Amino acid sequence: LKPVDKKGRRLSQIEVMKMSLKKVETAGSDSDEEKPPPKPSGRRQSVEMDAPGKKVLVDKLELMEQQQQQRRSSMQTRRASLAEVIPDWPTLQPRKIFKEEPDKFNSEMEDIKTLEGTSSITFTAEFCKPDAKIKWFKNKLEIFHGHKYHFESDHDDYQLTVNSIKIEDGGKYTCQCNEISTSAWLYVEPKDPDYYFTQKLPESYKFQRMKAGVMECFVSDPRARVKWLKGDTVLEYTPGKYEIQRRENRCIMRVVDIMPDDDDVYSCQCGSAQTITKMNVVEPQWEFLKKVEDV
């Protein structure tokens, strides 16, 4: 570090060189006083060698002082620039580099749950740029605008509408722009089938006491689940009494060993559809197995 003067100011290079030169001269004078006078020939020779070196150092210091003085005077006397005189004068500015943000979707698509038979559903995605070239995919296969799929764009909002929802419309839908994409799932739940009876129960049945009776009806779909009721009581399969059978669309109820207390209203229900009948228990017709013969 450069030495500091009494006021705490750092000395310049020229001042440092002057101080070092003075120290050399002082040290030389002190050594000359202490040492005995050398021989005339040696002293004369050393004086002749030291004098030119000191002169060169002094000349260099003076030249450096003059150069510094000229610089200071030129800084004080230079003309002011137009930028300094005129406040609004345009000046050169460093080049500003704007880093573009990568493309992205400001809002992601959201999953949708709907029922089979819904008229339409709509996916929405918001991209960072308006009027971008968007592609839509279903399960990684590109889909196109038409009656089934309808595309719309409003500034930076992009919409996909799926019409006439069916079970097979469920899947993963993707909105893609270049290499950026957002996806969502469409979950389609099957609606309850609309079952009905293609052949209802007759208005009434007549069964003989202690005999077996069969009641039957037909439904529109073999997958339909039906239940039989006696009055308001649900009947379950009971061996030897109530035998419930199913053959595709045919629904069969067989009542074994009919008794007077079986005389009641019976019904078969399938969802909201229902068919009703009335069981009438009658006495059996007795016959003579062997007629009376004359004696």
C-alpha atoms as a PDB file:
ATOM      1  CA  LEU A   1       0.000   0.000   0.000  1.00  0.00           C
ATOM      2  CA  LYS A   2       1.070   3.600  -0.608  1.00  0.00           C
ATOM      3  CA  PRO A   3       2.234   5.599   2.465  1.00  0.00           C
ATOM      4  CA  VAL A   4      -0.069   8.160   4.079  1.00  0.00           C
ATOM      5  CA  ASP A   5       0.825  11.743   5.040  1.00  0.00           C
ATOM      6  CA  LYS A   6      -0.062  13.472   8.332  1.00  0.00           C
ATOM      7  CA  LYS A   7      -3.565  14.385   7.075  1.00  0.00           C
ATOM      8  CA  GLY A   8      -4.340  10.788   6.144  1.00  0.00           C
ATOM      9  CA  ARG A   9      -4.091  11.353   2.365  1.00  0.00           C
ATOM     10  CA  ARG A  10      -2.547   8.717   0.128  1.00  0.00           C
ATOM     11  CA  LEU A  11       0.659   9.942  -1.536  1.00  0.00           C
ATOM     12  CA  SER A  12       1.015   9.885  -5.315  1.00  0.00           C
ATOM     13  CA  GLN A  13       3.681   7.908  -7.131  1.00  0.00           C
ATOM     14  CA  ILE A  14       5.784  11.037  -7.709  1.00  0.00           C
ATOM     15  CA  GLU A  15       5.649  11.986  -4.021  1.00  0.00           C
ATOM     16  CA  VAL A  16       6.665   8.471  -3.045  1.00  0.00           C
ATOM     17  CA  MET A  17       9.661   8.609  -5.401  1.00  0.00           C
ATOM     18  CA  LYS A  18      10.709  11.989  -4.001  1.00  0.00           C
ATOM     19  CA  MET A  19      10.561  10.664  -0.444  1.00  0.00           C
ATOM     20  CA  SER A  20      12.638   7.633  -1.356  1.00  0.00           C
ATOM     21  CA  LEU A  21      15.204   9.871  -3.113  1.00  0.00           C
ATOM     22  CA  LYS A  22      15.490  12.106  -0.054  1.00  0.00           C
ATOM     23  CA  LYS A  23      16.044   9.071   2.167  1.00  0.00           C
ATOM     24  CA  VAL A  24      18.835   7.898  -0.121  1.00  0.00           C
ATOM     25  CA  GLU A  25      20.517  11.331  -0.050  1.00  0.00           C
ATOM     26  CA  THR A  26      20.187  11.563   3.767  1.00  0.00           C
ATOM     27  CA  ALA A  27      21.594   8.078   4.236  1.00  0.00           C
ATOM     28  CA  GLY A  28      24.486   8.917   1.916  1.00  0.00           C
ATOM     29  CA  SER A  29      25.366  12.100   3.813  1.00  0.00           C
ATOM     30  CA  ASP A  30      25.234  10.312   7.196  1.00  0.00           C
ATOM     31  CA  SER A  31      27.508   7.544   5.995  1.00  0.00           C
ATOM     32  CA  ASP A  32      29.975  10.069   4.584  1.00  0.00           C
ATOM     33  CA  GLU A  33      30.255  11.834   7.969  1.00  0.00           C
ATOM     34  CA  GLU A  34      30.867   8.631   9.929  1.00  0.00           C
ATOM     35  CA  LYS A  35      33.315   6.986   7.541  1.00  0.00           C
ATOM     36  CA  PRO A  36      36.901   8.215   7.347  1.00  0.00           C
ATOM     37  CA  PRO A  37      37.694  10.044   4.160  1.00  0.00           C
ATOM     38  CA  PRO A  38      38.614   7.523   1.488  1.00  0.00           C
ATOM     39  CA  LYS A  39      41.441   7.780  -0.883  1.00  0.00           C
ATOM     40  CA  PRO A  40      41.182  10.666  -3.296  1.00  0.00           C
ATOM     41  CA  SER A  41      41.024   8.400  -6.349  1.00  0.00           C
ATOM     42  CA  GLY A  42      38.131   6.205  -4.960  1.00  0.00           C
ATOM     43  CA  ARG A  43      36.039   9.159  -3.760  1.00  0.00           C
ATOM     44  CA  ARG A  44      36.353  10.992  -6.991  1.00  0.00           C
ATOM     45  CA  GLN A  45      35.303   7.883  -8.896  1.00  0.00           C
ATOM     46  CA  SER A  46      32.144   7.298  -6.758  1.00  0.00           C
ATOM     47  CA  VAL A  47      31.080  10.931  -7.148  1.00  0.00           C
ATOM     48  CA  GLU A  48      31.385  10.642 -10.863  1.00  0.00           C
ATOM     49  CA  MET A  49      29.168   7.464 -10.865  1.00  0.00           C
ATOM     50  CA  ASP A  50      26.411   8.712  -8.487  1.00  0.00           C
ATOM     51  CA  ALA A  51      25.822  12.133  -9.917  1.00  0.00           C
ATOM     52  CA  PRO A  52      24.424  11.057 -13.310  1.00  0.00           C
ATOM     53  CA  GLY A  53      21.958   8.588 -11.705  1.00  0.00           C
ATOM     54  CA  LYS A  54      20.549  11.240  -9.369  1.00  0.00           C
ATOM     55  CA  LYS A  55      20.198  13.678 -12.199  1.00  0.00           C
ATOM     56  CA  VAL A  56      18.227  11.183 -14.260  1.00  0.00           C
ATOM     57  CA  LEU A  57      15.807  10.522 -11.380  1.00  0.00           C
ATOM     58  CA  VAL A  58      15.264  14.235 -10.812  1.00  0.00           C
ATOM     59  CA  ASP A  59      14.599  14.779 -14.516  1.00  0.00           C
ATOM     60  CA  LYS A  60      12.048  11.947 -14.564  1.00  0.00           C
ATOM     61  CA  LEU A  61      10.244  13.324 -11.531  1.00  0.00           C
ATOM     62  CA  GLU A  62      10.073  16.806 -13.022  1.00  0.00           C
ATOM     63  CA  LEU A  63       8.749  15.403 -16.306  1.00  0.00           C
ATOM     64  CA  MET A  64       6.052  13.404 -14.514  1.00  0.00           C
ATOM     65  CA  GLU A  65       5.017  16.482 -12.508  1.00  0.00           C
ATOM     66  CA  GLN A  66       4.721  18.520 -15.694  1.00  0.00           C
ATOM     67  CA  GLN A  67       2.552  15.829 -17.346  1.00  0.00           C
ATOM     68  CA  GLN A  68       0.238  15.636 -14.355  1.00  0.00           C
ATOM     69  CA  GLN A  69      -0.055  19.408 -14.274  1.00  0.00           C
ATOM     70  CA  GLN A  70      -0.972  19.471 -17.964  1.00  0.00           C
ATOM     71  CA  ARG A  71      -3.667  16.843 -17.421  1.00  0.00           C
ATOM     72  CA  ARG A  72      -5.180  18.817 -14.559  1.00  0.00           C
ATOM     73  CA  SER A  73      -5.205  22.021 -16.549  1.00  0.00           C
ATOM     74  CA  SER A  74      -6.737  20.293 -19.600  1.00  0.00           C
ATOM     75  CA  MET A  75      -9.518  18.837 -17.437  1.00  0.00           C
ATOM     76  CA  GLN A  76     -10.271  22.292 -16.062  1.00  0.00           C
ATOM     77  CA  THR A  77     -10.138  24.139 -19.398  1.00  0.00           C
ATOM     78  CA  ARG A  78     -11.853  21.570 -21.721  1.00  0.00           C
ATOM     79  CA  ARG A  79     -15.056  22.441 -23.533  1.00  0.00           C
ATOM     80  CA  ALA A  80     -18.275  21.116 -22.085  1.00  0.00           C
ATOM     81  CA  SER A  81     -20.033  18.510 -24.213  1.00  0.00           C
ATOM     82  CA  LEU A  82     -23.537  18.987 -25.620  1.00  0.00           C
ATOM     83  CA  ALA A  83     -24.827  16.288 -23.289  1.00  0.00           C
ATOM     84  CA  GLU A  84     -23.598  18.319 -20.310  1.00  0.00           C
ATOM     85  CA  VAL A  85     -24.975  21.636 -21.581  1.00  0.00           C
ATOM     86  CA  ILE A  86     -28.355  20.449 -22.948  1.00  0.00           C
ATOM     87  CA  PRO A  87     -30.333  18.393 -20.412  1.00  0.00           C
ATOM     88  CA  ASP A  88     -32.409  16.434 -22.969  1.00  0.00           C
ATOM     89  CA  TRP A  89     -29.559  15.798 -25.366  1.00  0.00           C
ATOM     90  CA  PRO A  90     -29.590  12.083 -26.391  1.00  0.00           C
ATOM     91  CA  THR A  91     -26.657  10.062 -25.191  1.00  0.00           C
ATOM     92  CA  LEU A  92     -25.435   6.583 -25.937  1.00  0.00           C
ATOM     93  CA  GLN A  93     -26.962   3.989 -23.666  1.00  0.00           C
ATOM     94  CA  PRO A  94     -25.797   0.444 -23.018  1.00  0.00           C
ATOM     95  CA  ARG A  95     -27.680  -2.123 -25.039  1.00  0.00           C
ATOM     96  CA  LYS A  96     -30.524  -3.725 -23.109  1.00  0.00           C
ATOM     97  CA  ILE A  97     -30.994  -7.428 -23.695  1.00  0.00           C
ATOM     98  CA  PHE A  98     -34.511  -8.655 -23.017  1.00  0.00           C
ATOM     99  CA  LYS A  99     -34.734 -12.315 -22.146  1.00  0.00           C
ATOM    100  CA  GLU A 100     -37.888 -13.836 -23.576  1.00  0.00           C
ATOM    101  CA  GLU A 101     -39.875 -16.007 -21.206  1.00  0.00           C
ATOM    102  CA  PRO A 102     -40.618 -19.526 -22.446  1.00  0.00           C
ATOM    103  CA  ASP A 103     -44.100 -20.253 -23.764  1.00  0.00           C
ATOM    104  CA  LYS A 104     -46.511 -21.671 -21.210  1.00  0.00           C
ATOM    105  CA  PHE A 105     -50.185 -22.177 -20.421  1.00  0.00           C
ATOM    106  CA  ASN A 106     -51.385 -19.587 -17.921  1.00  0.00           C
ATOM    107  CA  SER A 107     -54.222 -21.871 -16.817  1.00  0.00           C
ATOM    108  CA  GLU A 108     -54.267 -25.645 -17.088  1.00  0.00           C
ATOM    109  CA  MET A 109     -57.168 -27.771 -18.293  1.00  0.00           C
ATOM    110  CA  GLU A 110     -59.313 -29.353 -15.578  1.00  0.00           C
ATOM    111  CA  ASP A 111     -60.830 -32.847 -15.414  1.00  0.00           C
ATOM    112  CA  ILE A 112     -64.553 -33.169 -16.138  1.00  0.00           C
ATOM    113  CA  LYS A 113     -67.050 -35.778 -14.909  1.00  0.00           C
ATOM    114  CA  THR A 114     -70.360 -36.152 -16.710  1.00  0.00           C
ATOM    115  CA  LEU A 115     -73.172 -38.613 -17.392  1.00  0.00           C
ATOM    116  CA  GLU A 116     -73.759 -40.527 -20.573  1.00  0.00           C
ATOM    117  CA  GLY A 117     -76.222 -38.677 -22.775  1.00  0.00           C
ATOM    118  CA  THR A 118     -75.119 -35.157 -21.755  1.00  0.00           C
ATOM    119  CA  SER A 119     -75.559 -32.737 -24.657  1.00  0.00           C
ATOM    120  CA  SER A 120     -72.013 -31.265 -24.509  1.00  0.00           C
ATOM    121  CA  ILE A 121     -68.997 -30.493 -22.311  1.00  0.00           C
ATOM    122  CA  THR A 122     -66.247 -27.871 -22.799  1.00  0.00           C
ATOM    123  CA  PHE A 123     -62.528 -27.933 -21.967  1.00  0.00           C
ATOM    124  CA  THR A 124     -60.820 -24.530 -21.552  1.00  0.00           C
ATOM    125  CA  ALA A 125     -57.113 -23.603 -21.590  1.00  0.00           C
ATOM    126  CA  GLU A 126     -55.408 -20.183 -21.439  1.00  0.00           C
ATOM    127  CA  PHE A 127     -52.134 -19.776 -23.380  1.00  0.00           C
ATOM    128  CA  CYS A 128     -49.556 -17.020 -22.881  1.00  0.00           C
ATOM    129  CA  LYS A 129     -49.919 -15.777 -26.479  1.00  0.00           C
ATOM    130  CA  PRO A 130     -53.070 -14.821 -28.382  1.00  0.00           C
ATOM    131  CA  ASP A 131     -54.057 -16.442 -31.677  1.00  0.00           C
ATOM    132  CA  ALA A 132     -51.533 -19.266 -31.351  1.00  0.00           C
ATOM    133  CA  LYS A 133     -51.622 -22.386 -33.511  1.00  0.00           C
ATOM    134  CA  ILE A 134     -53.269 -24.938 -31.239  1.00  0.00           C
ATOM    135  CA  LYS A 135     -53.755 -28.662 -31.809  1.00  0.00           C
ATOM    136  CA  TRP A 136     -56.168 -30.891 -29.901  1.00  0.00           C
ATOM    137  CA  PHE A 137     -55.634 -34.578 -29.162  1.00  0.00           C
ATOM    138  CA  LYS A 138     -57.670 -37.406 -27.669  1.00  0.00           C
ATOM    139  CA  ASN A 139     -55.602 -40.265 -26.268  1.00  0.00           C
ATOM    140  CA  LYS A 140     -52.557 -39.048 -28.307  1.00  0.00           C
ATOM    141  CA  LEU A 141     -54.558 -39.020 -31.570  1.00  0.00           C
ATOM    142  CA  GLU A 142     -55.217 -35.636 -33.168  1.00  0.00           C
ATOM    143  CA  ILE A 143     -58.871 -34.623 -33.484  1.00  0.00           C
ATOM    144  CA  PHE A 144     -60.313 -32.053 -35.875  1.00  0.00           C
ATOM    145  CA  HIS A 145     -63.109 -29.505 -35.944  1.00  0.00           C
ATOM    146  CA  GLY A 146     -66.464 -30.935 -36.942  1.00  0.00           C
ATOM    147  CA  HIS A 147     -69.886 -31.997 -35.684  1.00  0.00           C
ATOM    148  CA  LYS A 148     -68.466 -34.051 -32.814  1.00  0.00           C
ATOM    149  CA  TYR A 149     -65.635 -31.694 -31.789  1.00  0.00           C
ATOM    150  CA  HIS A 150     -65.942 -27.920 -31.932  1.00  0.00           C
ATOM    151  CA  PHE A 151     -62.903 -25.609 -31.521  1.00  0.00           C
ATOM    152  CA  GLU A 152     -63.123 -21.964 -30.431  1.00  0.00           C
ATOM    153  CA  SER A 153     -60.533 -19.285 -29.569  1.00  0.00           C
ATOM    154  CA  ASP A 154     -60.999 -15.904 -27.905  1.00  0.00           C
ATOM    155  CA  HIS A 155     -57.735 -13.924 -27.695  1.00  0.00           C
ATOM    156  CA  ASP A 156     -55.664 -16.237 -25.462  1.00  0.00           C
ATOM    157  CA  ASP A 157     -58.527 -18.562 -24.372  1.00  0.00           C
ATOM    158  CA  TYR A 158     -58.908 -21.820 -26.278  1.00  0.00           C
ATOM    159  CA  GLN A 159     -61.929 -24.124 -25.944  1.00  0.00           C
ATOM    160  CA  LEU A 160     -62.787 -27.655 -27.033  1.00  0.00           C
ATOM    161  CA  THR A 161     -66.460 -28.667 -26.992  1.00  0.00           C
ATOM    162  CA  VAL A 162     -67.422 -32.348 -27.195  1.00  0.00           C
ATOM    163  CA  ASN A 163     -71.026 -32.924 -28.300  1.00  0.00           C
ATOM    164  CA  SER A 164     -73.431 -35.822 -27.603  1.00  0.00           C
ATOM    165  CA  ILE A 165     -71.458 -37.491 -24.833  1.00  0.00           C
ATOM    166  CA  LYS A 166     -71.180 -41.275 -25.026  1.00  0.00           C
ATOM    167  CA  ILE A 167     -69.260 -43.845 -23.005  1.00  0.00           C
ATOM    168  CA  GLU A 168     -66.545 -44.067 -25.672  1.00  0.00           C
ATOM    169  CA  ASP A 169     -65.927 -40.294 -25.433  1.00  0.00           C
ATOM    170  CA  GLY A 170     -64.164 -40.772 -22.104  1.00  0.00           C
ATOM    171  CA  GLY A 171     -60.378 -40.396 -22.194  1.00  0.00           C
ATOM    172  CA  LYS A 172     -57.448 -37.985 -22.013  1.00  0.00           C
ATOM    173  CA  TYR A 173     -57.737 -34.731 -23.981  1.00  0.00           C
ATOM    174  CA  THR A 174     -54.652 -32.602 -24.715  1.00  0.00           C
ATOM    175  CA  CYS A 175     -54.192 -29.026 -25.935  1.00  0.00           C
ATOM    176  CA  GLN A 176     -50.768 -28.531 -27.566  1.00  0.00           C
ATOM    177  CA  CYS A 177     -48.863 -25.533 -28.966  1.00  0.00           C
ATOM    178  CA  ASN A 178     -45.408 -26.396 -30.351  1.00  0.00           C
ATOM    179  CA  GLU A 179     -43.828 -28.486 -27.586  1.00  0.00           C
ATOM    180  CA  ILE A 180     -45.974 -27.081 -24.750  1.00  0.00           C
ATOM    181  CA  SER A 181     -49.126 -28.965 -23.752  1.00  0.00           C
ATOM    182  CA  THR A 182     -51.766 -29.304 -21.047  1.00  0.00           C
ATOM    183  CA  SER A 183     -54.082 -32.282 -20.525  1.00  0.00           C
ATOM    184  CA  ALA A 184     -57.239 -33.274 -18.673  1.00  0.00           C
ATOM    185  CA  TRP A 185     -59.458 -36.332 -18.375  1.00  0.00           C
ATOM    186  CA  LEU A 186     -63.103 -36.751 -19.332  1.00  0.00           C
ATOM    187  CA  TYR A 187     -64.892 -39.287 -17.133  1.00  0.00           C
ATOM    188  CA  VAL A 188     -68.232 -40.526 -18.520  1.00  0.00           C
ATOM    189  CA  GLU A 189     -70.504 -42.399 -16.121  1.00  0.00           C
ATOM    190  CA  PRO A 190     -73.168 -44.643 -17.671  1.00  0.00           C
ATOM    191  CA  LYS A 191     -76.707 -43.526 -17.060  1.00  0.00           C
ATOM    192  CA  ASP A 192     -79.345 -45.845 -15.677  1.00  0.00           C
ATOM    193  CA  PRO A 193     -80.859 -47.827 -18.582  1.00  0.00           C
ATOM    194  CA  ASP A 194     -84.483 -47.156 -19.399  1.00  0.00           C
ATOM    195  CA  TYR A 195     -85.920 -50.672 -19.052  1.00  0.00           C
ATOM    196  CA  TYR A 196     -89.546 -51.556 -19.717  1.00  0.00           C
ATOM    197  CA  PHE A 197     -91.748 -54.634 -19.974  1.00  0.00           C
ATOM    198  CA  THR A 198     -92.368 -55.912 -23.487  1.00  0.00           C
ATOM    199  CA  GLN A 199     -94.996 -58.377 -22.180  1.00  0.00           C
ATOM    200  CA  LYS A 200     -96.737 -57.630 -18.909  1.00  0.00           C
ATOM    201  CA  LEU A 201     -98.443 -59.961 -16.462  1.00  0.00           C
ATOM    202  CA  PRO A 202    -102.092 -60.702 -17.156  1.00  0.00           C
ATOM    203  CA  GLU A 203    -104.654 -59.003 -14.973  1.00  0.00           C
ATOM    204  CA  SER A 204    -105.300 -62.162 -12.949  1.00  0.00           C
ATOM    205  CA  TYR A 205    -104.409 -65.815 -12.516  1.00  0.00           C
ATOM    206  CA  LYS A 206    -106.586 -68.695 -11.273  1.00  0.00           C
ATOM    207  CA  PHE A 207    -104.718 -71.461  -9.528  1.00  0.00           C
ATOM    208  CA  GLN A 208    -106.148 -74.443  -7.727  1.00  0.00           C
ATOM    209  CA  ARG A 209    -105.393 -75.025  -4.102  1.00  0.00           C
ATOM    210  CA  MET A 210    -102.539 -77.436  -3.410  1.00  0.00           C
ATOM    211  CA  LYS A 211    -101.359 -77.111  -7.004  1.00  0.00           C
ATOM    212  CA  ALA A 212     -98.400 -75.141  -8.475  1.00  0.00           C
ATOM    213  CA  GLY A 213     -98.864 -71.925 -10.429  1.00  0.00           C
ATOM    214  CA  VAL A 214     -96.523 -70.081 -12.820  1.00  0.00           C
ATOM    215  CA  MET A 215     -96.524 -66.329 -13.513  1.00  0.00           C
ATOM    216  CA  GLU A 216     -94.270 -64.824 -16.202  1.00  0.00           C
ATOM    217  CA  CYS A 217     -93.481 -61.581 -18.036  1.00  0.00           C
ATOM    218  CA  PHE A 218     -90.827 -60.227 -20.465  1.00  0.00           C
ATOM    219  CA  VAL A 219     -88.430 -57.231 -20.136  1.00  0.00           C
ATOM    220  CA  SER A 220     -86.732 -55.208 -22.875  1.00  0.00           C
ATOM    221  CA  ASP A 221     -83.132 -56.054 -21.919  1.00  0.00           C
ATOM    222  CA  PRO A 222     -81.704 -59.314 -20.550  1.00  0.00           C
ATOM    223  CA  ARG A 223     -79.358 -57.252 -18.315  1.00  0.00           C
ATOM    224  CA  ALA A 224     -82.314 -55.752 -16.462  1.00  0.00           C
ATOM    225  CA  ARG A 225     -82.644 -56.754 -12.827  1.00  0.00           C
ATOM    226  CA  VAL A 226     -86.168 -57.484 -11.619  1.00  0.00           C
ATOM    227  CA  LYS A 227     -87.770 -58.268  -8.284  1.00  0.00           C
ATOM    228  CA  TRP A 228     -91.034 -59.959  -7.385  1.00  0.00           C
ATOM    229  CA  LEU A 229     -93.378 -58.706  -4.688  1.00  0.00           C
ATOM    230  CA  LYS A 230     -96.397 -60.097  -2.885  1.00  0.00           C
ATOM    231  CA  GLY A 231     -98.311 -57.048  -1.841  1.00  0.00           C
ATOM    232  CA  ASP A 232     -95.514 -54.822  -0.457  1.00  0.00           C
ATOM    233  CA  THR A 233     -93.238 -57.706   0.551  1.00  0.00           C
ATOM    234  CA  VAL A 234     -90.264 -58.578  -1.632  1.00  0.00           C
ATOM    235  CA  LEU A 235     -90.139 -62.283  -2.399  1.00  0.00           C
ATOM    236  CA  GLU A 236     -86.858 -64.192  -2.255  1.00  0.00           C
ATOM    237  CA  TYR A 237     -86.082 -67.593  -3.688  1.00  0.00           C
ATOM    238  CA  THR A 238     -87.535 -70.182  -1.288  1.00  0.00           C
ATOM    239  CA  PRO A 239     -87.155 -73.861  -2.215  1.00  0.00           C
ATOM    240  CA  GLY A 240     -90.479 -75.660  -2.168  1.00  0.00           C
ATOM    241  CA  LYS A 241     -92.488 -72.417  -2.193  1.00  0.00           C
ATOM    242  CA  TYR A 242     -91.229 -69.535  -4.352  1.00  0.00           C
ATOM    243  CA  GLU A 243     -88.997 -70.484  -7.274  1.00  0.00           C
ATOM    244  CA  ILE A 244     -87.731 -67.420  -9.183  1.00  0.00           C
ATOM    245  CA  GLN A 245     -86.180 -68.094 -12.586  1.00  0.00           C
ATOM    246  CA  ARG A 246     -84.656 -66.005 -15.374  1.00  0.00           C
ATOM    247  CA  ARG A 247     -84.210 -66.976 -19.020  1.00  0.00           C
ATOM    248  CA  GLU A 248     -82.815 -64.048 -21.009  1.00  0.00           C
ATOM    249  CA  ASN A 249     -85.707 -61.563 -21.237  1.00  0.00           C
ATOM    250  CA  ARG A 250     -88.189 -63.966 -19.637  1.00  0.00           C
ATOM    251  CA  CYS A 251     -88.951 -63.536 -15.921  1.00  0.00           C
ATOM    252  CA  ILE A 252     -90.658 -66.481 -14.184  1.00  0.00           C
ATOM    253  CA  MET A 253     -92.232 -66.853 -10.746  1.00  0.00           C
ATOM    254  CA  ARG A 254     -93.394 -70.369  -9.752  1.00  0.00           C
ATOM    255  CA  VAL A 255     -95.480 -70.765  -6.611  1.00  0.00           C
ATOM    256  CA  VAL A 256     -95.509 -74.318  -5.265  1.00  0.00           C
ATOM    257  CA  ASP A 257     -98.265 -75.893  -3.147  1.00  0.00           C
ATOM    258  CA  ILE A 258    -100.654 -72.992  -3.354  1.00  0.00           C
ATOM    259  CA  MET A 259    -102.722 -72.371  -0.257  1.00  0.00           C
ATOM    260  CA  PRO A 260    -105.614 -69.980   0.458  1.00  0.00           C
ATOM    261  CA  ASP A 261    -103.243 -67.433   2.049  1.00  0.00           C
ATOM    262  CA  ASP A 262    -101.403 -67.145  -1.294  1.00  0.00           C
ATOM    263  CA  ASP A 263    -104.413 -65.348  -2.682  1.00  0.00           C
ATOM    264  CA  ASP A 264    -102.987 -61.811  -3.075  1.00  0.00           C
ATOM    265  CA  VAL A 265    -101.684 -59.156  -5.472  1.00  0.00           C
ATOM    266  CA  TYR A 266     -98.326 -59.957  -7.101  1.00  0.00           C
ATOM    267  CA  SER A 267     -96.081 -57.602  -9.037  1.00  0.00           C
ATOM    268  CA  CYS A 268     -92.792 -57.611 -10.929  1.00  0.00           C
ATOM    269  CA  GLN A 269     -90.633 -54.439 -10.846  1.00  0.00           C
ATOM    270  CA  CYS A 270     -87.722 -53.364 -13.055  1.00  0.00           C
ATOM    271  CA  GLY A 271     -86.429 -49.922 -12.133  1.00  0.00           C
ATOM    272  CA  SER A 272     -89.381 -47.581 -12.429  1.00  0.00           C
ATOM    273  CA  ALA A 273     -91.361 -50.022 -14.589  1.00  0.00           C
ATOM    274  CA  GLN A 274     -93.873 -52.368 -12.970  1.00  0.00           C
ATOM    275  CA  THR A 275     -96.480 -54.936 -13.941  1.00  0.00           C
ATOM    276  CA  ILE A 276     -99.215 -56.232 -11.563  1.00  0.00           C
ATOM    277  CA  THR A 277    -101.483 -59.273 -11.427  1.00  0.00           C
ATOM    278  CA  LYS A 278    -104.012 -60.812  -9.019  1.00  0.00           C
ATOM    279  CA  MET A 279    -103.774 -64.441  -7.956  1.00  0.00           C
ATOM    280  CA  ASN A 280    -107.114 -66.140  -7.243  1.00  0.00           C
ATOM    281  CA  VAL A 281    -106.994 -69.444  -5.386  1.00  0.00           C
ATOM    282  CA  VAL A 282    -109.845 -71.783  -6.221  1.00  0.00           C
ATOM    283  CA  GLU A 283    -110.822 -75.173  -4.889  1.00  0.00           C
ATOM    284  CA  PRO A 284    -109.840 -78.110  -7.021  1.00  0.00           C
ATOM    285  CA  GLN A 285    -112.502 -79.946  -9.020  1.00  0.00           C
ATOM    286  CA  TRP A 286    -113.081 -83.306  -7.410  1.00  0.00           C
ATOM    287  CA  GLU A 287    -113.747 -86.363  -9.522  1.00  0.00           C
ATOM    288  CA  PHE A 288    -114.812 -89.889  -8.674  1.00  0.00           C
ATOM    289  CA  LEU A 289    -111.990 -92.209  -9.489  1.00  0.00           C
ATOM    290  CA  LYS A 290    -114.323 -95.220  -9.346  1.00  0.00           C
ATOM    291  CA  LYS A 291    -118.016 -95.111  -9.844  1.00  0.00           C
ATOM    292  CA  VAL A 292    -120.523 -97.031  -7.679  1.00  0.00           C
ATOM    293  CA  GLU A 293    -121.572-100.311  -9.203  1.00  0.00           C
ATOM    294  CA  ASP A 294    -124.899-102.118  -8.827  1.00  0.00           C
ATOM    295  CA  VAL A 295    -124.966-104.990  -6.378  1.00  0.00           C
END
